[in-house]
């Protein structure tokens, strides 16, 4: 979820040649590069790309595009304020959303890096029913319903049954947390 240009996916497929990936990337520029990564590596048979944003409902959302890896759900509370990358291509667009909980989420690994869009998913009462064995989450301050985004992400994942957790990166406005259900730790 939030495939960006596909570097994580390319690494996964390089490490596990039998794996298959379904990516979701709403930013048109990122998705164009992602498609080129898939094509250049001849992975079309194992890697599909959907031009939608993952969310906790199906519909549409307003999305800020043109920020490369930081393109995100548009919110009035964006603490980063207006940003203009060197290209000056920042704009707001409407993108389709897909409900994660209606997708096939019975997967070994689910990577979620959706720049603040994770909070509606993490606070959804259906989260404990998520069938992903392992979840790699980049949490963000943007959109967090609580003052401590780091603690909120860890607590919400534990409450959903992801009792195994390892933080691998923490910055001021985001961090990366690997979480797994203990039964699948082996």
C-alpha atoms as a PDB file:
ATOM      1  CA  UNK A   1       0.000   0.000   0.000  1.00  0.00           C
ATOM      2  CA  UNK A   2       1.695   3.141  -1.192  1.00  0.00           C
ATOM      3  CA  UNK A   3       4.105   1.407  -3.567  1.00  0.00           C
ATOM      4  CA  UNK A   4       5.875   4.616  -4.594  1.00  0.00           C
ATOM      5  CA  UNK A   5       8.340   3.676  -7.374  1.00  0.00           C
ATOM      6  CA  UNK A   6       8.700   0.030  -6.373  1.00  0.00           C
ATOM      7  CA  UNK A   7      12.069  -0.211  -4.656  1.00  0.00           C
ATOM      8  CA  UNK A   8      10.706  -2.224  -1.716  1.00  0.00           C
ATOM      9  CA  UNK A   9       8.841  -4.514  -4.116  1.00  0.00           C
ATOM     10  CA  UNK A  10      11.904  -5.066  -6.298  1.00  0.00           C
ATOM     11  CA  UNK A  11      13.915  -5.975  -3.204  1.00  0.00           C
ATOM     12  CA  UNK A  12      11.231  -8.456  -2.057  1.00  0.00           C
ATOM     13  CA  UNK A  13      11.059 -10.153  -5.460  1.00  0.00           C
ATOM     14  CA  UNK A  14      14.857 -10.332  -5.594  1.00  0.00           C
ATOM     15  CA  UNK A  15      14.978 -12.037  -2.198  1.00  0.00           C
ATOM     16  CA  UNK A  16      11.989 -14.357  -2.742  1.00  0.00           C
ATOM     17  CA  UNK A  17      11.763 -15.297  -6.428  1.00  0.00           C
ATOM     18  CA  UNK A  18       8.491 -17.211  -5.953  1.00  0.00           C
ATOM     19  CA  UNK A  19       6.702 -14.217  -4.382  1.00  0.00           C
ATOM     20  CA  UNK A  20       3.955 -12.211  -6.055  1.00  0.00           C
ATOM     21  CA  UNK A  21       3.067  -8.574  -5.358  1.00  0.00           C
ATOM     22  CA  UNK A  22      -0.083  -6.489  -5.676  1.00  0.00           C
ATOM     23  CA  UNK A  23       0.806  -2.792  -5.408  1.00  0.00           C
ATOM     24  CA  UNK A  24      -1.463   0.204  -4.860  1.00  0.00           C
ATOM     25  CA  UNK A  25      -0.137   3.638  -5.873  1.00  0.00           C
ATOM     26  CA  UNK A  26      -2.405   6.644  -6.489  1.00  0.00           C
ATOM     27  CA  UNK A  27       0.266   9.203  -7.478  1.00  0.00           C
ATOM     28  CA  UNK A  28       0.427   9.254 -11.308  1.00  0.00           C
ATOM     29  CA  UNK A  29       4.128  10.188 -11.529  1.00  0.00           C
ATOM     30  CA  UNK A  30       5.180   7.566  -8.984  1.00  0.00           C
ATOM     31  CA  UNK A  31       2.985   4.958 -10.667  1.00  0.00           C
ATOM     32  CA  UNK A  32       4.592   5.690 -14.044  1.00  0.00           C
ATOM     33  CA  UNK A  33       8.049   4.984 -12.594  1.00  0.00           C
ATOM     34  CA  UNK A  34       6.694   1.924 -10.767  1.00  0.00           C
ATOM     35  CA  UNK A  35       5.368   0.520 -14.047  1.00  0.00           C
ATOM     36  CA  UNK A  36       8.787   1.070 -15.622  1.00  0.00           C
ATOM     37  CA  UNK A  37      10.472  -0.808 -12.738  1.00  0.00           C
ATOM     38  CA  UNK A  38       8.083  -3.737 -13.206  1.00  0.00           C
ATOM     39  CA  UNK A  39       8.589  -3.747 -16.984  1.00  0.00           C
ATOM     40  CA  UNK A  40      12.384  -3.280 -16.890  1.00  0.00           C
ATOM     41  CA  UNK A  41      12.686  -6.263 -14.566  1.00  0.00           C
ATOM     42  CA  UNK A  42      10.245  -8.369 -16.615  1.00  0.00           C
ATOM     43  CA  UNK A  43       8.046  -8.935 -13.562  1.00  0.00           C
ATOM     44  CA  UNK A  44       4.600  -8.368 -15.095  1.00  0.00           C
ATOM     45  CA  UNK A  45       3.628 -12.001 -14.422  1.00  0.00           C
ATOM     46  CA  UNK A  46       4.334 -11.620 -10.666  1.00  0.00           C
ATOM     47  CA  UNK A  47       3.681  -7.943  -9.955  1.00  0.00           C
ATOM     48  CA  UNK A  48       0.468  -6.064 -10.594  1.00  0.00           C
ATOM     49  CA  UNK A  49      -0.134  -2.368 -10.016  1.00  0.00           C
ATOM     50  CA  UNK A  50      -3.455  -0.706  -9.190  1.00  0.00           C
ATOM     51  CA  UNK A  51      -4.007   3.027  -9.716  1.00  0.00           C
ATOM     52  CA  UNK A  52      -5.915   3.558  -6.470  1.00  0.00           C
ATOM     53  CA  UNK A  53      -5.274   4.607  -2.895  1.00  0.00           C
ATOM     54  CA  UNK A  54      -5.720   2.054  -0.145  1.00  0.00           C
ATOM     55  CA  UNK A  55      -8.164   3.212   2.507  1.00  0.00           C
ATOM     56  CA  UNK A  56     -10.820   1.842   4.822  1.00  0.00           C
ATOM     57  CA  UNK A  57     -13.625   2.467   2.335  1.00  0.00           C
ATOM     58  CA  UNK A  58     -14.244   2.504  -1.391  1.00  0.00           C
ATOM     59  CA  UNK A  59     -14.814   5.894  -2.969  1.00  0.00           C
ATOM     60  CA  UNK A  60     -12.623   8.907  -3.650  1.00  0.00           C
ATOM     61  CA  UNK A  61     -10.163  11.098  -1.762  1.00  0.00           C
ATOM     62  CA  UNK A  62      -8.403  14.379  -2.358  1.00  0.00           C
ATOM     63  CA  UNK A  63      -4.717  13.688  -2.848  1.00  0.00           C
ATOM     64  CA  UNK A  64      -1.647  15.941  -2.998  1.00  0.00           C
ATOM     65  CA  UNK A  65       0.549  14.757  -5.849  1.00  0.00           C
ATOM     66  CA  UNK A  66       3.948  15.852  -7.115  1.00  0.00           C
ATOM     67  CA  UNK A  67       5.809  15.380  -3.824  1.00  0.00           C
ATOM     68  CA  UNK A  68       7.498  12.138  -4.876  1.00  0.00           C
ATOM     69  CA  UNK A  69       7.658   9.841  -1.820  1.00  0.00           C
ATOM     70  CA  UNK A  70       5.680  12.364   0.246  1.00  0.00           C
ATOM     71  CA  UNK A  71       2.568  12.637  -1.927  1.00  0.00           C
ATOM     72  CA  UNK A  72      -0.350  12.143   0.449  1.00  0.00           C
ATOM     73  CA  UNK A  73      -3.996  12.366   1.399  1.00  0.00           C
ATOM     74  CA  UNK A  74      -4.898  16.067   1.512  1.00  0.00           C
ATOM     75  CA  UNK A  75      -5.805  17.257   4.994  1.00  0.00           C
ATOM     76  CA  UNK A  76      -6.346  20.680   6.490  1.00  0.00           C
ATOM     77  CA  UNK A  77      -4.110  19.686   9.405  1.00  0.00           C
ATOM     78  CA  UNK A  78      -0.947  18.949   7.393  1.00  0.00           C
ATOM     79  CA  UNK A  79       1.835  20.047   9.796  1.00  0.00           C
ATOM     80  CA  UNK A  80       4.345  20.243   6.950  1.00  0.00           C
ATOM     81  CA  UNK A  81       2.486  23.146   5.339  1.00  0.00           C
ATOM     82  CA  UNK A  82       2.695  23.968   1.627  1.00  0.00           C
ATOM     83  CA  UNK A  83       5.618  22.309  -0.112  1.00  0.00           C
ATOM     84  CA  UNK A  84       6.954  22.821  -3.556  1.00  0.00           C
ATOM     85  CA  UNK A  85       9.559  20.416  -4.901  1.00  0.00           C
ATOM     86  CA  UNK A  86      12.088  21.715  -7.419  1.00  0.00           C
ATOM     87  CA  UNK A  87       9.817  20.631 -10.288  1.00  0.00           C
ATOM     88  CA  UNK A  88       6.946  22.777  -9.008  1.00  0.00           C
ATOM     89  CA  UNK A  89       4.470  20.058 -10.014  1.00  0.00           C
ATOM     90  CA  UNK A  90       2.551  19.938  -6.718  1.00  0.00           C
ATOM     91  CA  UNK A  91      -1.207  19.780  -7.248  1.00  0.00           C
ATOM     92  CA  UNK A  92      -4.330  18.404  -5.668  1.00  0.00           C
ATOM     93  CA  UNK A  93      -6.216  15.675  -7.522  1.00  0.00           C
ATOM     94  CA  UNK A  94      -9.080  13.305  -6.818  1.00  0.00           C
ATOM     95  CA  UNK A  95      -8.131   9.630  -6.696  1.00  0.00           C
ATOM     96  CA  UNK A  96     -10.206   6.484  -6.331  1.00  0.00           C
ATOM     97  CA  UNK A  97      -9.905   4.529  -3.102  1.00  0.00           C
ATOM     98  CA  UNK A  98     -10.252   0.836  -2.436  1.00  0.00           C
ATOM     99  CA  UNK A  99     -11.265  -0.662   0.896  1.00  0.00           C
ATOM    100  CA  UNK A 100      -8.310  -2.691   2.172  1.00  0.00           C
ATOM    101  CA  UNK A 101     -10.649  -4.883   4.192  1.00  0.00           C
ATOM    102  CA  UNK A 102     -12.560  -5.887   1.038  1.00  0.00           C
ATOM    103  CA  UNK A 103      -9.378  -6.921  -0.776  1.00  0.00           C
ATOM    104  CA  UNK A 104      -7.612 -10.266  -0.503  1.00  0.00           C
ATOM    105  CA  UNK A 105      -5.510  -9.430   2.543  1.00  0.00           C
ATOM    106  CA  UNK A 106      -4.603 -13.022   3.389  1.00  0.00           C
ATOM    107  CA  UNK A 107      -0.937 -12.322   2.665  1.00  0.00           C
ATOM    108  CA  UNK A 108       2.425 -13.124   4.184  1.00  0.00           C
ATOM    109  CA  UNK A 109       3.554  -9.489   4.252  1.00  0.00           C
ATOM    110  CA  UNK A 110       1.651  -6.218   3.952  1.00  0.00           C
ATOM    111  CA  UNK A 111       3.656  -2.999   3.575  1.00  0.00           C
ATOM    112  CA  UNK A 112       1.764   0.183   4.395  1.00  0.00           C
ATOM    113  CA  UNK A 113       3.447   3.511   3.652  1.00  0.00           C
ATOM    114  CA  UNK A 114       0.597   5.852   2.812  1.00  0.00           C
ATOM    115  CA  UNK A 115       1.790   9.140   4.318  1.00  0.00           C
ATOM    116  CA  UNK A 116      -0.828   9.645   7.029  1.00  0.00           C
ATOM    117  CA  UNK A 117      -3.559   7.638   5.291  1.00  0.00           C
ATOM    118  CA  UNK A 118      -2.758   4.744   7.634  1.00  0.00           C
ATOM    119  CA  UNK A 119      -4.763   6.189  10.538  1.00  0.00           C
ATOM    120  CA  UNK A 120      -8.263   5.454   9.193  1.00  0.00           C
ATOM    121  CA  UNK A 121      -7.105   1.856   8.587  1.00  0.00           C
ATOM    122  CA  UNK A 122      -5.367   1.484  11.958  1.00  0.00           C
ATOM    123  CA  UNK A 123      -8.406   2.821  13.832  1.00  0.00           C
ATOM    124  CA  UNK A 124     -10.942   0.797  11.832  1.00  0.00           C
ATOM    125  CA  UNK A 125     -12.705  -1.821  14.018  1.00  0.00           C
ATOM    126  CA  UNK A 126     -11.996  -4.415  11.289  1.00  0.00           C
ATOM    127  CA  UNK A 127      -8.214  -4.220  11.811  1.00  0.00           C
ATOM    128  CA  UNK A 128      -8.063  -7.330  14.063  1.00  0.00           C
ATOM    129  CA  UNK A 129      -9.524  -9.300  11.120  1.00  0.00           C
ATOM    130  CA  UNK A 130      -6.640  -8.359   8.832  1.00  0.00           C
ATOM    131  CA  UNK A 131      -5.088 -11.634   7.708  1.00  0.00           C
ATOM    132  CA  UNK A 132      -1.593 -10.340   6.920  1.00  0.00           C
ATOM    133  CA  UNK A 133       0.943 -12.339   8.944  1.00  0.00           C
ATOM    134  CA  UNK A 134       3.484  -9.516   8.993  1.00  0.00           C
ATOM    135  CA  UNK A 135       2.863  -5.797   8.654  1.00  0.00           C
ATOM    136  CA  UNK A 136       5.529  -3.234   7.777  1.00  0.00           C
ATOM    137  CA  UNK A 137       4.124   0.146   8.733  1.00  0.00           C
ATOM    138  CA  UNK A 138       5.554   3.578   8.157  1.00  0.00           C
ATOM    139  CA  UNK A 139       3.537   5.654  10.621  1.00  0.00           C
ATOM    140  CA  UNK A 140       3.249   9.428  10.288  1.00  0.00           C
ATOM    141  CA  UNK A 141       2.336  12.303  12.569  1.00  0.00           C
ATOM    142  CA  UNK A 142       0.121  13.592   9.744  1.00  0.00           C
ATOM    143  CA  UNK A 143      -3.444  12.449  10.387  1.00  0.00           C
ATOM    144  CA  UNK A 144      -2.772  10.773  13.738  1.00  0.00           C
ATOM    145  CA  UNK A 145      -5.805  11.083  16.031  1.00  0.00           C
ATOM    146  CA  UNK A 146      -3.562  11.125  19.126  1.00  0.00           C
ATOM    147  CA  UNK A 147      -0.680  13.349  20.268  1.00  0.00           C
ATOM    148  CA  UNK A 148       1.938  10.535  20.160  1.00  0.00           C
ATOM    149  CA  UNK A 149       1.843   8.877  16.732  1.00  0.00           C
ATOM    150  CA  UNK A 150       4.593   6.410  17.562  1.00  0.00           C
ATOM    151  CA  UNK A 151       2.801   5.100  20.662  1.00  0.00           C
ATOM    152  CA  UNK A 152      -0.570   5.105  18.908  1.00  0.00           C
ATOM    153  CA  UNK A 153       0.704   2.944  16.022  1.00  0.00           C
ATOM    154  CA  UNK A 154       2.267   0.393  18.367  1.00  0.00           C
ATOM    155  CA  UNK A 155      -0.810   0.265  20.630  1.00  0.00           C
ATOM    156  CA  UNK A 156      -3.300  -0.085  17.761  1.00  0.00           C
ATOM    157  CA  UNK A 157      -1.277  -2.906  16.199  1.00  0.00           C
ATOM    158  CA  UNK A 158      -0.966  -4.734  19.527  1.00  0.00           C
ATOM    159  CA  UNK A 159      -4.733  -4.414  20.035  1.00  0.00           C
ATOM    160  CA  UNK A 160      -5.226  -5.941  16.570  1.00  0.00           C
ATOM    161  CA  UNK A 161      -3.151  -8.991  17.523  1.00  0.00           C
ATOM    162  CA  UNK A 162       0.271  -7.895  16.255  1.00  0.00           C
ATOM    163  CA  UNK A 163       2.058  -8.545  19.538  1.00  0.00           C
ATOM    164  CA  UNK A 164       5.494  -8.989  17.994  1.00  0.00           C
ATOM    165  CA  UNK A 165       6.930  -5.601  17.076  1.00  0.00           C
ATOM    166  CA  UNK A 166      10.284  -4.138  16.156  1.00  0.00           C
ATOM    167  CA  UNK A 167      10.907  -0.500  15.452  1.00  0.00           C
ATOM    168  CA  UNK A 168      13.546  -0.066  12.788  1.00  0.00           C
ATOM    169  CA  UNK A 169      13.485   3.675  12.240  1.00  0.00           C
ATOM    170  CA  UNK A 170      12.156   6.688  14.131  1.00  0.00           C
ATOM    171  CA  UNK A 171      12.280  10.292  12.976  1.00  0.00           C
ATOM    172  CA  UNK A 172      10.483  13.424  14.137  1.00  0.00           C
ATOM    173  CA  UNK A 173       7.367  13.023  11.977  1.00  0.00           C
ATOM    174  CA  UNK A 174       7.404   9.324  11.090  1.00  0.00           C
ATOM    175  CA  UNK A 175       8.875   5.928  11.823  1.00  0.00           C
ATOM    176  CA  UNK A 176       8.950   2.353  10.564  1.00  0.00           C
ATOM    177  CA  UNK A 177       7.538  -0.485  12.615  1.00  0.00           C
ATOM    178  CA  UNK A 178       7.564  -4.179  11.720  1.00  0.00           C
ATOM    179  CA  UNK A 179       4.744  -6.069  13.441  1.00  0.00           C
ATOM    180  CA  UNK A 180       3.691  -9.712  13.368  1.00  0.00           C
ATOM    181  CA  UNK A 181       1.313 -12.075  15.027  1.00  0.00           C
ATOM    182  CA  UNK A 182       3.277 -14.302  17.396  1.00  0.00           C
ATOM    183  CA  UNK A 183       1.776 -17.480  15.938  1.00  0.00           C
ATOM    184  CA  UNK A 184       3.483 -16.687  12.627  1.00  0.00           C
ATOM    185  CA  UNK A 185       6.838 -15.691  14.132  1.00  0.00           C
ATOM    186  CA  UNK A 186       8.375 -19.020  13.134  1.00  0.00           C
END
